[in-house]
């Protein structure tokens, strides 16, 4: 699919694999089919659950009307305006994101001097961490391979260590742990993260719009 800003919708099987992998990486409940998409019962202090859809569908409007609890998210692979058109008053759009995929090998780049990279596997979750010379955490990221999908999650660089290629190094380290070359690589990026991943050869598949249910009256 084109990387244009109007890109809308992704392969449901690809997104299903990403949702399952993300849930494992975050240690939350496995997704269940619901209203033509998937529901993840996160049950955190800031989020009760989330509904995730591969594309817009009239069922989303019906779902939104049926929700009378706060802290519920609806997330759809579409533009903000398309999701807003399906929602009743009170739903608040959240920060825009992007579903991205890659079919290329990440470019080689040596880890900056003074940093140490560690990769660990725990219950199916791959964690890559980079520590600075003083032992502080400089960058980190996670990945899970499941259902033919290799999903990256929470790729972060500390503010004091930006622009040193550490995010690139984390991505490369995680990529090296992929068991099957057939596993499709996917992530969801913020506006800021999208620039990094594009520089590494990633392609936007769709905008990813989110809305939060109205607060309790």
N, C-alpha and C. Protein backbone atom coordinates (compact mmCIF):
# COMPACT_ATOMS: atom_id res chain seq x y z
N UNK A 1 0.84 -1.20 0.00
CA UNK A 1 0.00 0.00 0.00
C UNK A 1 0.87 1.24 0.00
N UNK A 2 0.40 2.26 -0.59
CA UNK A 2 1.12 3.52 -0.66
C UNK A 2 1.37 4.09 0.72
N UNK A 3 2.45 4.85 0.84
CA UNK A 3 2.77 5.50 2.11
C UNK A 3 2.15 6.88 2.21
N UNK A 4 1.15 7.18 1.42
CA UNK A 4 0.53 8.49 1.44
C UNK A 4 -0.17 8.74 2.77
N UNK A 5 -0.36 10.02 3.08
CA UNK A 5 -0.99 10.38 4.34
C UNK A 5 -2.45 9.95 4.38
N UNK A 6 -3.04 9.63 3.25
CA UNK A 6 -4.44 9.23 3.24
C UNK A 6 -4.62 7.72 3.34
N UNK A 7 -3.50 6.99 3.51
CA UNK A 7 -3.57 5.53 3.60
C UNK A 7 -4.58 5.13 4.67
N UNK A 8 -5.42 4.14 4.36
CA UNK A 8 -6.54 3.79 5.24
C UNK A 8 -6.76 2.29 5.21
N UNK A 9 -6.65 1.64 6.38
CA UNK A 9 -6.92 0.23 6.49
C UNK A 9 -5.69 -0.63 6.26
N UNK A 10 -5.63 -1.78 6.98
CA UNK A 10 -4.53 -2.72 6.82
C UNK A 10 -5.09 -4.14 6.74
N UNK A 11 -4.24 -5.07 6.35
CA UNK A 11 -4.59 -6.48 6.30
C UNK A 11 -5.04 -6.94 7.70
N UNK A 12 -6.27 -7.43 7.84
CA UNK A 12 -6.75 -7.84 9.18
C UNK A 12 -5.89 -8.91 9.82
N UNK A 13 -5.35 -9.85 9.05
CA UNK A 13 -4.51 -10.90 9.63
C UNK A 13 -3.22 -10.32 10.19
N UNK A 14 -2.64 -9.35 9.47
CA UNK A 14 -1.43 -8.70 9.96
C UNK A 14 -1.72 -7.95 11.26
N UNK A 15 -2.83 -7.22 11.29
CA UNK A 15 -3.15 -6.46 12.49
C UNK A 15 -3.49 -7.38 13.66
N UNK A 16 -4.16 -8.49 13.38
CA UNK A 16 -4.47 -9.46 14.44
C UNK A 16 -3.19 -9.99 15.08
N UNK A 17 -2.20 -10.28 14.25
CA UNK A 17 -0.92 -10.73 14.80
C UNK A 17 -0.25 -9.67 15.63
N UNK A 18 -0.33 -8.41 15.17
CA UNK A 18 0.26 -7.32 15.94
C UNK A 18 -0.45 -7.14 17.28
N UNK A 19 -1.77 -7.19 17.30
CA UNK A 19 -2.52 -7.03 18.55
C UNK A 19 -2.14 -8.12 19.54
N UNK A 20 -2.03 -9.35 19.06
CA UNK A 20 -1.66 -10.45 19.95
C UNK A 20 -0.24 -10.27 20.48
N UNK A 21 0.67 -9.87 19.60
CA UNK A 21 2.06 -9.67 20.01
C UNK A 21 2.19 -8.52 20.99
N UNK A 22 1.48 -7.42 20.73
CA UNK A 22 1.54 -6.29 21.63
C UNK A 22 1.02 -6.65 23.01
N UNK A 23 -0.06 -7.41 23.07
CA UNK A 23 -0.62 -7.81 24.36
C UNK A 23 0.39 -8.62 25.15
N UNK A 24 1.11 -9.53 24.46
CA UNK A 24 2.13 -10.32 25.14
C UNK A 24 3.27 -9.43 25.60
N UNK A 25 3.70 -8.50 24.75
CA UNK A 25 4.80 -7.61 25.11
C UNK A 25 4.46 -6.73 26.30
N UNK A 26 3.18 -6.36 26.43
CA UNK A 26 2.76 -5.46 27.52
C UNK A 26 2.28 -6.21 28.75
N UNK A 27 2.16 -7.54 28.66
CA UNK A 27 1.70 -8.31 29.80
C UNK A 27 0.25 -8.09 30.14
N UNK A 28 -0.59 -7.85 29.10
CA UNK A 28 -2.03 -7.66 29.31
C UNK A 28 -2.78 -8.84 28.71
N UNK A 29 -4.09 -8.86 28.91
CA UNK A 29 -4.91 -9.97 28.44
C UNK A 29 -4.81 -10.14 26.94
N UNK A 30 -4.91 -11.38 26.49
CA UNK A 30 -4.90 -11.66 25.05
C UNK A 30 -6.14 -11.06 24.40
N UNK A 31 -6.05 -10.62 23.16
CA UNK A 31 -7.22 -10.03 22.48
C UNK A 31 -8.30 -11.07 22.21
N UNK A 32 -9.56 -10.60 22.18
CA UNK A 32 -10.68 -11.46 21.82
C UNK A 32 -11.46 -10.77 20.70
N UNK A 33 -12.05 -11.56 19.81
CA UNK A 33 -12.83 -10.99 18.71
C UNK A 33 -14.06 -10.29 19.27
N UNK A 34 -14.36 -9.10 18.72
CA UNK A 34 -15.49 -8.33 19.24
C UNK A 34 -15.89 -7.26 18.21
N UNK A 35 -17.16 -7.24 17.79
CA UNK A 35 -17.68 -6.22 16.88
C UNK A 35 -16.90 -6.13 15.56
N UNK A 36 -16.37 -7.25 15.11
CA UNK A 36 -15.63 -7.23 13.86
C UNK A 36 -14.18 -6.82 14.00
N UNK A 37 -13.76 -6.53 15.22
CA UNK A 37 -12.36 -6.19 15.49
C UNK A 37 -11.86 -7.04 16.65
N UNK A 38 -11.05 -6.43 17.52
CA UNK A 38 -10.54 -7.14 18.69
C UNK A 38 -10.67 -6.25 19.92
N UNK A 39 -10.94 -6.89 21.04
CA UNK A 39 -11.00 -6.17 22.32
C UNK A 39 -9.86 -6.67 23.20
N UNK A 40 -9.16 -5.73 23.82
CA UNK A 40 -8.11 -6.06 24.77
C UNK A 40 -8.49 -5.47 26.11
N UNK A 41 -8.67 -6.32 27.11
CA UNK A 41 -9.07 -5.87 28.44
C UNK A 41 -7.82 -5.49 29.24
N UNK A 42 -7.39 -4.26 29.08
CA UNK A 42 -6.15 -3.80 29.70
C UNK A 42 -6.27 -3.59 31.20
N UNK A 43 -7.40 -3.06 31.64
CA UNK A 43 -7.70 -2.90 33.07
C UNK A 43 -6.60 -2.17 33.84
N UNK A 44 -6.13 -1.07 33.28
CA UNK A 44 -5.12 -0.28 33.97
C UNK A 44 -5.79 0.93 34.62
N UNK A 45 -5.01 1.73 35.33
CA UNK A 45 -5.55 2.92 35.99
C UNK A 45 -6.04 3.95 34.99
N UNK A 46 -5.48 3.95 33.78
CA UNK A 46 -5.84 4.96 32.79
C UNK A 46 -6.68 4.41 31.65
N UNK A 47 -6.83 3.10 31.59
CA UNK A 47 -7.54 2.50 30.45
C UNK A 47 -8.23 1.21 30.89
N UNK A 48 -9.56 1.16 30.72
CA UNK A 48 -10.31 -0.03 31.09
C UNK A 48 -10.16 -1.12 30.02
N UNK A 49 -10.35 -0.75 28.76
CA UNK A 49 -10.14 -1.69 27.66
C UNK A 49 -10.01 -0.89 26.37
N UNK A 50 -9.60 -1.58 25.31
CA UNK A 50 -9.50 -0.94 24.00
C UNK A 50 -10.07 -1.87 22.94
N UNK A 51 -10.68 -1.26 21.92
CA UNK A 51 -11.19 -1.97 20.75
C UNK A 51 -10.34 -1.54 19.56
N UNK A 52 -9.92 -2.51 18.76
CA UNK A 52 -8.99 -2.23 17.66
C UNK A 52 -9.57 -2.79 16.37
N UNK A 53 -9.55 -1.97 15.30
CA UNK A 53 -10.15 -2.35 14.03
C UNK A 53 -9.16 -2.11 12.89
N UNK A 54 -9.18 -3.02 11.91
CA UNK A 54 -8.27 -2.93 10.77
C UNK A 54 -8.71 -1.87 9.76
N UNK A 55 -9.98 -1.50 9.81
CA UNK A 55 -10.50 -0.46 8.90
C UNK A 55 -11.82 0.05 9.45
N UNK A 56 -12.35 1.13 8.87
CA UNK A 56 -13.62 1.66 9.33
C UNK A 56 -14.75 0.69 8.99
N UNK A 57 -15.79 0.70 9.83
CA UNK A 57 -16.92 -0.20 9.65
C UNK A 57 -18.10 0.40 10.41
N UNK A 58 -19.35 0.27 9.87
CA UNK A 58 -20.52 0.79 10.59
C UNK A 58 -20.68 0.20 11.99
N UNK A 59 -20.12 -1.00 12.21
CA UNK A 59 -20.22 -1.62 13.54
C UNK A 59 -19.53 -0.78 14.60
N UNK A 60 -18.55 0.02 14.20
CA UNK A 60 -17.85 0.87 15.17
C UNK A 60 -18.79 1.92 15.74
N UNK A 61 -19.65 2.48 14.90
CA UNK A 61 -20.62 3.46 15.37
C UNK A 61 -21.57 2.83 16.38
N UNK A 62 -22.04 1.62 16.09
CA UNK A 62 -22.93 0.92 17.03
C UNK A 62 -22.23 0.63 18.34
N UNK A 63 -20.98 0.22 18.25
CA UNK A 63 -20.21 -0.04 19.46
C UNK A 63 -20.08 1.22 20.29
N UNK A 64 -19.71 2.32 19.68
CA UNK A 64 -19.51 3.57 20.41
C UNK A 64 -20.79 4.00 21.13
N UNK A 65 -21.93 3.84 20.47
CA UNK A 65 -23.20 4.22 21.10
C UNK A 65 -23.53 3.34 22.29
N UNK A 66 -23.03 2.11 22.30
CA UNK A 66 -23.35 1.18 23.39
C UNK A 66 -22.46 1.36 24.61
N UNK A 67 -21.39 2.11 24.48
CA UNK A 67 -20.43 2.28 25.56
C UNK A 67 -20.84 3.42 26.48
N UNK A 68 -20.99 3.11 27.77
CA UNK A 68 -21.35 4.14 28.74
C UNK A 68 -20.36 4.18 29.91
N UNK A 69 -19.18 3.63 29.70
CA UNK A 69 -18.14 3.66 30.72
C UNK A 69 -16.99 4.54 30.27
N UNK A 70 -16.29 5.20 31.21
CA UNK A 70 -15.12 6.00 30.85
C UNK A 70 -13.90 5.10 30.62
N UNK A 71 -12.82 5.70 30.12
CA UNK A 71 -11.52 5.03 29.97
C UNK A 71 -11.56 3.85 29.00
N UNK A 72 -12.38 3.97 27.95
CA UNK A 72 -12.41 2.95 26.90
C UNK A 72 -11.94 3.59 25.60
N UNK A 73 -11.03 2.92 24.93
CA UNK A 73 -10.46 3.43 23.68
C UNK A 73 -10.99 2.66 22.49
N UNK A 74 -11.27 3.36 21.42
CA UNK A 74 -11.53 2.76 20.11
C UNK A 74 -10.41 3.20 19.19
N UNK A 75 -9.74 2.23 18.56
CA UNK A 75 -8.60 2.50 17.70
C UNK A 75 -8.86 1.87 16.33
N UNK A 76 -8.68 2.65 15.28
CA UNK A 76 -9.00 2.20 13.93
C UNK A 76 -7.88 2.61 12.97
N UNK A 77 -7.57 1.72 12.06
CA UNK A 77 -6.58 2.04 11.02
C UNK A 77 -7.23 2.93 9.98
N UNK A 78 -7.27 4.20 10.28
CA UNK A 78 -7.88 5.19 9.40
C UNK A 78 -7.44 6.58 9.84
N UNK A 79 -7.87 7.59 9.10
CA UNK A 79 -7.60 8.97 9.47
C UNK A 79 -8.52 9.42 10.61
N UNK A 80 -8.08 10.45 11.36
CA UNK A 80 -8.87 10.96 12.47
C UNK A 80 -10.29 11.34 12.04
N UNK A 81 -10.42 12.01 10.91
CA UNK A 81 -11.73 12.48 10.47
C UNK A 81 -12.68 11.32 10.22
N UNK A 82 -12.18 10.23 9.69
CA UNK A 82 -13.03 9.08 9.40
C UNK A 82 -13.52 8.43 10.69
N UNK A 83 -12.66 8.38 11.71
CA UNK A 83 -13.10 7.83 13.00
C UNK A 83 -14.08 8.79 13.66
N UNK A 84 -13.79 10.07 13.65
CA UNK A 84 -14.69 11.05 14.26
C UNK A 84 -16.09 10.94 13.68
N UNK A 85 -16.21 10.66 12.38
CA UNK A 85 -17.52 10.57 11.72
C UNK A 85 -18.35 9.41 12.24
N UNK A 86 -17.70 8.45 12.90
CA UNK A 86 -18.41 7.28 13.41
C UNK A 86 -18.82 7.42 14.87
N UNK A 87 -18.39 8.50 15.52
CA UNK A 87 -18.56 8.63 16.96
C UNK A 87 -19.61 9.67 17.32
N UNK A 88 -20.27 9.43 18.44
CA UNK A 88 -21.21 10.40 18.98
C UNK A 88 -20.44 11.45 19.77
N UNK A 89 -21.14 12.47 20.25
CA UNK A 89 -20.50 13.54 20.99
C UNK A 89 -19.86 13.04 22.27
N UNK A 90 -18.79 13.70 22.68
CA UNK A 90 -18.13 13.36 23.93
C UNK A 90 -16.88 12.54 23.76
N UNK A 91 -16.77 11.79 22.67
CA UNK A 91 -15.55 11.02 22.41
C UNK A 91 -14.42 12.00 22.06
N UNK A 92 -13.24 11.77 22.63
CA UNK A 92 -12.11 12.67 22.42
C UNK A 92 -11.03 11.98 21.60
N UNK A 93 -10.70 12.58 20.45
CA UNK A 93 -9.62 12.02 19.64
C UNK A 93 -8.30 12.14 20.40
N UNK A 94 -7.46 11.11 20.28
CA UNK A 94 -6.15 11.08 20.91
C UNK A 94 -5.07 11.35 19.86
N UNK A 95 -3.82 11.35 20.30
CA UNK A 95 -2.73 11.62 19.37
C UNK A 95 -2.72 10.61 18.23
N UNK A 96 -2.50 11.09 17.04
CA UNK A 96 -2.45 10.26 15.84
C UNK A 96 -1.21 9.37 15.86
N UNK A 97 -1.32 8.19 15.27
CA UNK A 97 -0.18 7.30 15.11
C UNK A 97 -0.21 6.69 13.71
N UNK A 98 0.75 5.81 13.42
CA UNK A 98 0.89 5.25 12.09
C UNK A 98 1.24 3.76 12.18
N UNK A 99 0.54 2.93 11.43
CA UNK A 99 0.91 1.52 11.30
C UNK A 99 1.96 1.43 10.20
N UNK A 100 3.11 0.83 10.53
CA UNK A 100 4.21 0.76 9.58
C UNK A 100 4.73 -0.68 9.48
N UNK A 101 5.24 -1.03 8.31
CA UNK A 101 5.82 -2.35 8.08
C UNK A 101 7.16 -2.20 7.37
N UNK A 102 7.94 -3.28 7.40
CA UNK A 102 9.25 -3.26 6.74
C UNK A 102 9.50 -4.57 6.03
N UNK A 103 10.10 -4.47 4.85
CA UNK A 103 10.52 -5.63 4.08
C UNK A 103 12.01 -5.59 3.78
N UNK A 104 12.73 -4.69 4.44
CA UNK A 104 14.15 -4.51 4.15
C UNK A 104 15.00 -4.78 5.39
N UNK A 105 16.25 -5.14 5.17
CA UNK A 105 17.19 -5.29 6.26
C UNK A 105 17.57 -3.91 6.78
N UNK A 106 17.62 -3.74 8.10
CA UNK A 106 18.00 -2.42 8.63
C UNK A 106 19.44 -2.10 8.26
N UNK A 107 19.74 -0.86 7.93
CA UNK A 107 21.11 -0.49 7.58
C UNK A 107 22.05 -0.70 8.76
N UNK A 108 23.28 -1.10 8.46
CA UNK A 108 24.26 -1.34 9.52
C UNK A 108 24.70 -0.02 10.15
N UNK A 109 24.86 -0.05 11.47
CA UNK A 109 25.38 1.13 12.17
C UNK A 109 26.02 0.67 13.47
N UNK A 110 27.24 1.10 13.70
CA UNK A 110 27.96 0.68 14.89
C UNK A 110 27.41 1.39 16.12
N UNK A 111 27.36 0.67 17.25
CA UNK A 111 26.90 1.28 18.49
C UNK A 111 27.89 2.36 18.92
N UNK A 112 27.36 3.51 19.30
CA UNK A 112 28.21 4.63 19.71
C UNK A 112 29.11 4.24 20.87
N UNK A 113 30.29 4.82 20.90
CA UNK A 113 31.27 4.53 21.94
C UNK A 113 30.71 4.88 23.32
N UNK A 114 31.02 4.04 24.31
CA UNK A 114 30.60 4.29 25.68
C UNK A 114 29.28 3.66 26.07
N UNK A 115 28.63 2.98 25.13
CA UNK A 115 27.34 2.35 25.41
C UNK A 115 27.46 0.83 25.33
N UNK A 116 26.58 0.16 26.10
CA UNK A 116 26.55 -1.31 26.13
C UNK A 116 25.16 -1.79 25.78
N UNK A 117 25.06 -2.73 24.85
CA UNK A 117 23.79 -3.28 24.40
C UNK A 117 23.59 -4.68 24.98
N UNK A 118 22.39 -4.92 25.52
CA UNK A 118 22.04 -6.23 26.07
C UNK A 118 20.71 -6.67 25.49
N UNK A 119 20.61 -7.95 25.11
CA UNK A 119 19.36 -8.51 24.60
C UNK A 119 18.98 -9.71 25.47
N UNK A 120 17.72 -9.73 25.93
CA UNK A 120 17.23 -10.81 26.78
C UNK A 120 15.89 -11.32 26.28
N UNK A 121 15.62 -12.62 26.50
CA UNK A 121 14.35 -13.23 26.16
C UNK A 121 13.66 -13.66 27.45
N UNK A 122 12.41 -13.23 27.63
CA UNK A 122 11.64 -13.61 28.82
C UNK A 122 10.21 -13.94 28.43
N UNK A 123 9.84 -15.20 28.53
CA UNK A 123 8.46 -15.64 28.25
C UNK A 123 7.97 -15.16 26.89
N UNK A 124 8.82 -15.27 25.88
CA UNK A 124 8.42 -14.89 24.53
C UNK A 124 8.62 -13.44 24.18
N UNK A 125 9.03 -12.63 25.14
CA UNK A 125 9.26 -11.20 24.90
C UNK A 125 10.76 -10.94 24.79
N UNK A 126 11.16 -10.28 23.72
CA UNK A 126 12.56 -9.92 23.51
C UNK A 126 12.76 -8.48 23.97
N UNK A 127 13.74 -8.26 24.84
CA UNK A 127 14.03 -6.91 25.33
C UNK A 127 15.45 -6.54 24.96
N UNK A 128 15.61 -5.39 24.33
CA UNK A 128 16.93 -4.84 24.02
C UNK A 128 17.12 -3.57 24.82
N UNK A 129 18.21 -3.49 25.56
CA UNK A 129 18.48 -2.30 26.38
C UNK A 129 19.90 -1.81 26.10
N UNK A 130 20.05 -0.51 26.12
CA UNK A 130 21.35 0.11 25.95
C UNK A 130 21.63 0.95 27.19
N UNK A 131 22.75 0.69 27.84
CA UNK A 131 23.12 1.46 29.03
C UNK A 131 24.31 2.36 28.71
N UNK A 132 24.34 3.49 29.37
CA UNK A 132 25.44 4.43 29.21
C UNK A 132 26.60 4.01 30.11
N UNK A 133 27.72 4.71 29.97
CA UNK A 133 28.91 4.37 30.75
C UNK A 133 28.67 4.47 32.25
N UNK A 134 27.74 5.35 32.66
CA UNK A 134 27.46 5.50 34.09
C UNK A 134 26.43 4.50 34.59
N UNK A 135 25.99 3.58 33.72
CA UNK A 135 25.03 2.56 34.11
C UNK A 135 23.58 2.95 33.94
N UNK A 136 23.30 4.18 33.54
CA UNK A 136 21.91 4.62 33.36
C UNK A 136 21.34 4.06 32.05
N UNK A 137 20.02 3.93 32.02
CA UNK A 137 19.34 3.43 30.83
C UNK A 137 19.32 4.52 29.76
N UNK A 138 19.87 4.21 28.59
CA UNK A 138 19.93 5.19 27.51
C UNK A 138 18.85 4.94 26.47
N UNK A 139 18.54 3.67 26.19
CA UNK A 139 17.53 3.34 25.18
C UNK A 139 17.04 1.92 25.43
N UNK A 140 15.84 1.63 24.94
CA UNK A 140 15.30 0.29 25.13
C UNK A 140 14.20 0.03 24.11
N UNK A 141 13.83 -1.22 23.98
CA UNK A 141 12.75 -1.60 23.09
C UNK A 141 12.42 -3.07 23.26
N UNK A 142 11.25 -3.46 22.76
CA UNK A 142 10.77 -4.83 22.91
C UNK A 142 10.26 -5.35 21.58
N UNK A 143 10.20 -6.66 21.46
CA UNK A 143 9.63 -7.28 20.28
C UNK A 143 9.06 -8.64 20.66
N UNK A 144 8.05 -9.07 19.90
CA UNK A 144 7.44 -10.39 20.07
C UNK A 144 7.19 -10.96 18.68
N UNK A 145 7.50 -12.24 18.51
CA UNK A 145 7.23 -12.93 17.26
C UNK A 145 6.13 -13.96 17.50
N UNK A 146 5.01 -13.79 16.80
CA UNK A 146 3.88 -14.69 16.99
C UNK A 146 2.94 -14.59 15.80
N UNK A 147 2.30 -15.71 15.44
CA UNK A 147 1.29 -15.72 14.37
C UNK A 147 1.82 -15.14 13.06
N UNK A 148 3.09 -15.43 12.72
CA UNK A 148 3.65 -14.95 11.48
C UNK A 148 3.97 -13.48 11.46
N UNK A 149 4.02 -12.87 12.65
CA UNK A 149 4.27 -11.43 12.78
C UNK A 149 5.43 -11.21 13.75
N UNK A 150 6.29 -10.27 13.42
CA UNK A 150 7.34 -9.83 14.34
C UNK A 150 7.05 -8.37 14.66
N UNK A 151 6.57 -8.14 15.88
CA UNK A 151 6.08 -6.81 16.26
C UNK A 151 7.05 -6.12 17.21
N UNK A 152 7.36 -4.87 16.90
CA UNK A 152 8.22 -4.04 17.74
C UNK A 152 7.34 -3.18 18.65
N UNK A 153 7.83 -2.91 19.86
CA UNK A 153 7.00 -2.17 20.82
C UNK A 153 7.88 -1.32 21.73
N UNK A 154 7.42 -0.11 22.01
CA UNK A 154 8.06 0.78 22.99
C UNK A 154 9.55 0.99 22.72
N UNK A 155 9.87 1.45 21.53
CA UNK A 155 11.26 1.79 21.20
C UNK A 155 11.51 3.21 21.70
N UNK A 156 12.34 3.34 22.72
CA UNK A 156 12.50 4.64 23.38
C UNK A 156 13.96 4.96 23.63
N UNK A 157 14.29 6.25 23.50
CA UNK A 157 15.62 6.75 23.82
C UNK A 157 15.48 7.86 24.85
N UNK A 158 16.27 7.80 25.91
CA UNK A 158 16.21 8.83 26.95
C UNK A 158 16.63 10.18 26.37
N UNK A 159 16.04 11.23 26.92
CA UNK A 159 16.26 12.58 26.39
C UNK A 159 17.73 12.96 26.35
N UNK A 160 18.51 12.49 27.32
CA UNK A 160 19.93 12.85 27.39
C UNK A 160 20.78 12.12 26.36
N UNK A 161 20.18 11.19 25.62
CA UNK A 161 20.98 10.35 24.71
C UNK A 161 20.44 10.35 23.29
N UNK A 162 19.71 11.39 22.94
CA UNK A 162 19.13 11.47 21.60
C UNK A 162 20.20 11.78 20.55
N UNK A 163 19.88 11.45 19.29
CA UNK A 163 20.71 11.76 18.13
C UNK A 163 22.08 11.08 18.18
N UNK A 164 22.12 9.88 18.75
CA UNK A 164 23.35 9.10 18.76
C UNK A 164 23.15 7.72 18.12
N UNK A 165 22.01 7.56 17.44
CA UNK A 165 21.75 6.31 16.75
C UNK A 165 21.33 5.17 17.65
N UNK A 166 20.91 5.46 18.87
CA UNK A 166 20.59 4.39 19.81
C UNK A 166 19.28 3.71 19.47
N UNK A 167 18.28 4.48 19.00
CA UNK A 167 17.04 3.86 18.56
C UNK A 167 17.28 2.91 17.40
N UNK A 168 18.12 3.34 16.48
CA UNK A 168 18.53 2.51 15.35
C UNK A 168 19.17 1.22 15.86
N UNK A 169 20.07 1.34 16.84
CA UNK A 169 20.76 0.17 17.38
C UNK A 169 19.79 -0.79 18.05
N UNK A 170 18.80 -0.27 18.77
CA UNK A 170 17.80 -1.12 19.41
C UNK A 170 17.01 -1.89 18.35
N UNK A 171 16.57 -1.19 17.32
CA UNK A 171 15.81 -1.84 16.25
C UNK A 171 16.62 -2.93 15.57
N UNK A 172 17.88 -2.66 15.29
CA UNK A 172 18.74 -3.65 14.64
C UNK A 172 18.94 -4.87 15.51
N UNK A 173 19.14 -4.66 16.82
CA UNK A 173 19.33 -5.77 17.74
C UNK A 173 18.08 -6.64 17.83
N UNK A 174 16.92 -6.02 17.87
CA UNK A 174 15.68 -6.79 17.93
C UNK A 174 15.46 -7.55 16.61
N UNK A 175 15.70 -6.88 15.50
CA UNK A 175 15.54 -7.52 14.19
C UNK A 175 16.40 -8.79 14.10
N UNK A 176 17.58 -8.76 14.66
CA UNK A 176 18.50 -9.89 14.60
C UNK A 176 17.96 -11.12 15.33
N UNK A 177 16.96 -10.92 16.20
CA UNK A 177 16.39 -12.03 16.97
C UNK A 177 15.20 -12.67 16.27
N UNK A 178 14.81 -12.16 15.12
CA UNK A 178 13.66 -12.73 14.40
C UNK A 178 14.01 -14.15 13.95
N UNK A 179 13.17 -15.12 14.32
CA UNK A 179 13.45 -16.52 14.01
C UNK A 179 13.13 -16.87 12.56
N UNK A 180 12.03 -16.33 12.03
CA UNK A 180 11.58 -16.69 10.69
C UNK A 180 11.62 -15.48 9.78
N UNK A 181 12.26 -15.63 8.62
CA UNK A 181 12.30 -14.55 7.64
C UNK A 181 10.92 -14.27 7.07
N UNK A 182 9.97 -15.22 7.25
CA UNK A 182 8.61 -15.03 6.75
C UNK A 182 7.75 -14.19 7.69
N UNK A 183 8.20 -14.00 8.92
CA UNK A 183 7.43 -13.19 9.87
C UNK A 183 7.42 -11.74 9.43
N UNK A 184 6.23 -11.17 9.29
CA UNK A 184 6.11 -9.80 8.82
C UNK A 184 6.39 -8.81 9.95
N UNK A 185 7.24 -7.83 9.67
CA UNK A 185 7.63 -6.87 10.68
C UNK A 185 6.65 -5.70 10.70
N UNK A 186 6.22 -5.33 11.90
CA UNK A 186 5.20 -4.30 12.05
C UNK A 186 5.42 -3.54 13.35
N UNK A 187 5.02 -2.29 13.33
CA UNK A 187 5.01 -1.47 14.54
C UNK A 187 3.99 -0.36 14.36
N UNK A 188 3.66 0.29 15.46
CA UNK A 188 2.82 1.49 15.43
C UNK A 188 3.66 2.64 15.95
N UNK A 189 3.79 3.69 15.14
CA UNK A 189 4.70 4.79 15.45
C UNK A 189 3.95 6.08 15.74
N UNK A 190 4.52 6.88 16.61
CA UNK A 190 4.06 8.26 16.80
C UNK A 190 4.53 9.08 15.60
N UNK A 191 4.09 10.33 15.53
CA UNK A 191 4.56 11.22 14.48
C UNK A 191 6.09 11.34 14.52
N UNK A 192 6.64 11.46 15.74
CA UNK A 192 8.09 11.62 15.89
C UNK A 192 8.81 10.33 15.50
N UNK A 193 8.29 9.18 15.97
CA UNK A 193 8.92 7.91 15.67
C UNK A 193 8.88 7.56 14.21
N UNK A 194 7.84 8.02 13.54
CA UNK A 194 7.69 7.70 12.11
C UNK A 194 8.90 8.15 11.31
N UNK A 195 9.49 9.29 11.67
CA UNK A 195 10.66 9.79 10.95
C UNK A 195 11.84 8.83 11.09
N UNK A 196 12.06 8.30 12.30
CA UNK A 196 13.15 7.35 12.51
C UNK A 196 12.94 6.10 11.67
N UNK A 197 11.73 5.54 11.73
CA UNK A 197 11.49 4.27 11.04
C UNK A 197 11.53 4.45 9.52
N UNK A 198 11.07 5.59 9.04
CA UNK A 198 11.16 5.85 7.60
C UNK A 198 12.62 5.88 7.16
N UNK A 199 13.50 6.44 7.99
CA UNK A 199 14.93 6.49 7.65
C UNK A 199 15.55 5.10 7.63
N UNK A 200 14.90 4.13 8.29
CA UNK A 200 15.39 2.75 8.32
C UNK A 200 14.72 1.88 7.26
N UNK A 201 13.91 2.50 6.40
CA UNK A 201 13.30 1.76 5.31
C UNK A 201 11.89 1.27 5.55
N UNK A 202 11.27 1.71 6.65
CA UNK A 202 9.90 1.30 6.94
C UNK A 202 8.91 2.09 6.09
N UNK A 203 7.73 1.50 5.89
CA UNK A 203 6.69 2.10 5.05
C UNK A 203 5.39 2.24 5.84
N UNK A 204 4.74 3.39 5.71
CA UNK A 204 3.44 3.60 6.33
C UNK A 204 2.39 2.77 5.60
N UNK A 205 1.63 1.98 6.34
CA UNK A 205 0.51 1.22 5.77
C UNK A 205 -0.81 1.93 6.00
N UNK A 206 -0.94 2.61 7.13
CA UNK A 206 -2.18 3.31 7.43
C UNK A 206 -1.98 4.29 8.57
N UNK A 207 -2.78 5.34 8.55
CA UNK A 207 -2.92 6.14 9.77
C UNK A 207 -3.62 5.28 10.82
N UNK A 208 -3.42 5.63 12.10
CA UNK A 208 -4.00 4.85 13.19
C UNK A 208 -4.65 5.85 14.14
N UNK A 209 -5.97 5.96 14.05
CA UNK A 209 -6.71 6.96 14.83
C UNK A 209 -7.24 6.34 16.12
N UNK A 210 -7.31 7.15 17.16
CA UNK A 210 -7.77 6.69 18.47
C UNK A 210 -8.72 7.70 19.08
N UNK A 211 -9.71 7.18 19.82
CA UNK A 211 -10.64 8.05 20.54
C UNK A 211 -10.94 7.45 21.90
N UNK A 212 -11.10 8.33 22.88
CA UNK A 212 -11.38 7.94 24.26
C UNK A 212 -12.82 8.24 24.61
N UNK A 213 -13.48 7.29 25.28
CA UNK A 213 -14.89 7.46 25.63
C UNK A 213 -15.09 8.62 26.60
N UNK A 214 -16.28 9.20 26.61
CA UNK A 214 -16.55 10.35 27.47
C UNK A 214 -16.37 9.99 28.94
N UNK A 215 -15.97 10.97 29.77
CA UNK A 215 -15.85 10.72 31.21
C UNK A 215 -17.21 10.45 31.82
N UNK A 216 -17.19 9.81 32.98
CA UNK A 216 -18.43 9.49 33.68
C UNK A 216 -19.16 10.78 34.06
N UNK A 217 -20.45 10.79 33.90
CA UNK A 217 -21.22 12.00 34.22
C UNK A 217 -21.55 12.05 35.69
